[in-house]
Amino acid sequence: MKKIKKNETVLEKEYTSLYEDNKKRSDIVMIEKIEAELEKLNNDRTITIQKINQFEQEMLNLRTHLSMINGAIQTCTYFLSDEKKSEEEVVA
């Protein structure tokens, strides 16, 4: 809002008008910068969520793989212990 002074000179009027126009442009530029930053942050957030989801899926796959390995180890251990029992019975 312009405050008009009664005895304001033409230069003062121009300066005030120019200042207010520059302030409006500056505010618009600042809003555009903030909007651009917000868009960048939202994109970064989306990418981060996608990466977290990928890592969680990979972790689930690794846990499944680990369970399979543990099962195979138990099976091998069972067969080895069963084989040793059979050898001990033959010796006895």
Protein backbone atom coordinates (compact mmCIF):
# COMPACT_ATOMS: atom_id res chain seq x y z
CA MET A 1 0.00 0.00 0.00
CA LYS A 2 1.29 3.38 -0.95
CA LYS A 3 1.30 6.11 1.61
CA ILE A 4 0.85 9.35 -0.21
CA LYS A 5 2.36 12.35 1.44
CA LYS A 6 0.91 15.72 0.65
CA ASN A 7 4.21 17.37 -0.15
CA GLU A 8 5.88 14.38 -1.80
CA THR A 9 8.07 15.23 -4.78
CA VAL A 10 7.88 13.45 -8.11
CA LEU A 11 11.20 11.71 -7.36
CA GLU A 12 9.93 10.54 -3.98
CA LYS A 13 6.78 9.19 -5.61
CA GLU A 14 8.82 7.35 -8.24
CA TYR A 15 11.22 5.98 -5.65
CA THR A 16 8.36 4.76 -3.46
CA SER A 17 6.62 3.18 -6.43
CA LEU A 18 9.84 1.55 -7.63
CA TYR A 19 10.59 0.27 -4.12
CA GLU A 20 7.13 -1.28 -3.78
CA ASP A 21 7.34 -2.86 -7.24
CA ASN A 22 10.77 -4.31 -6.43
CA LYS A 23 9.46 -5.60 -3.11
CA LYS A 24 6.58 -7.35 -4.88
CA ARG A 25 8.99 -8.87 -7.43
CA SER A 26 11.32 -9.90 -4.64
CA ASP A 27 8.44 -11.55 -2.75
CA ILE A 28 7.39 -13.39 -5.91
CA VAL A 29 10.94 -14.58 -6.52
CA MET A 30 11.21 -15.76 -2.91
CA ILE A 31 7.90 -17.63 -3.18
CA GLU A 32 9.11 -19.27 -6.41
CA LYS A 33 12.37 -20.32 -4.72
CA ILE A 34 10.48 -21.77 -1.76
CA GLU A 35 8.08 -23.62 -4.09
CA ALA A 36 11.05 -25.03 -6.05
CA GLU A 37 12.72 -26.14 -2.81
CA LEU A 38 9.46 -27.74 -1.64
CA GLU A 39 9.18 -29.66 -4.91
CA LYS A 40 12.80 -30.83 -4.59
CA LEU A 41 12.21 -31.93 -0.99
CA ASN A 42 9.06 -33.83 -1.95
CA ASN A 43 10.97 -35.58 -4.75
CA ASP A 44 13.80 -36.44 -2.35
CA ARG A 45 11.24 -37.77 0.14
CA THR A 46 9.64 -39.98 -2.52
CA ILE A 47 13.01 -41.36 -3.61
CA THR A 48 14.01 -42.02 0.00
CA ILE A 49 10.75 -43.88 0.69
CA GLN A 50 11.33 -45.98 -2.45
CA LYS A 51 14.88 -46.83 -1.32
CA ILE A 52 13.65 -47.79 2.15
CA ASN A 53 11.03 -50.07 0.59
CA GLN A 54 13.70 -51.66 -1.63
CA PHE A 55 15.99 -52.22 1.36
CA GLU A 56 13.16 -53.70 3.39
CA GLN A 57 12.36 -56.10 0.54
CA GLU A 58 16.03 -57.01 0.20
CA MET A 59 16.22 -57.61 3.97
CA LEU A 60 13.16 -59.88 3.77
CA ASN A 61 14.81 -61.80 0.90
CA LEU A 62 18.03 -62.13 2.91
CA ARG A 63 16.13 -63.40 5.98
CA THR A 64 14.38 -65.98 3.81
CA HIS A 65 17.72 -67.03 2.34
CA LEU A 66 19.22 -67.28 5.84
CA SER A 67 16.33 -69.50 6.96
CA MET A 68 16.93 -71.77 3.98
CA ILE A 69 20.65 -71.99 4.82
CA ASN A 70 19.83 -72.77 8.46
CA GLY A 71 17.46 -75.52 7.32
CA ALA A 72 20.15 -77.00 5.06
CA ILE A 73 22.68 -76.87 7.94
CA GLN A 74 20.23 -78.69 10.22
CA THR A 75 19.64 -81.33 7.55
CA CYS A 76 23.39 -81.86 7.04
CA THR A 77 23.96 -82.01 10.81
CA TYR A 78 21.16 -84.55 11.17
CA PHE A 79 22.58 -86.81 8.46
CA LEU A 80 26.10 -86.52 9.89
CA SER A 81 24.96 -87.32 13.42
CA ASP A 82 22.82 -90.22 12.14
CA GLU A 83 25.82 -91.55 10.17
CA LYS A 84 28.04 -91.37 13.28
CA LYS A 85 25.42 -93.28 15.31
CA SER A 86 25.32 -95.97 12.62
CA GLU A 87 29.15 -96.26 12.67
CA GLU A 88 29.15 -96.48 16.49
CA GLU A 89 26.55 -99.26 16.40
CA VAL A 90 28.62 -101.23 13.87
CA VAL A 91 31.76 -100.86 16.02
CA ALA A 92 29.87 -101.86 19.19
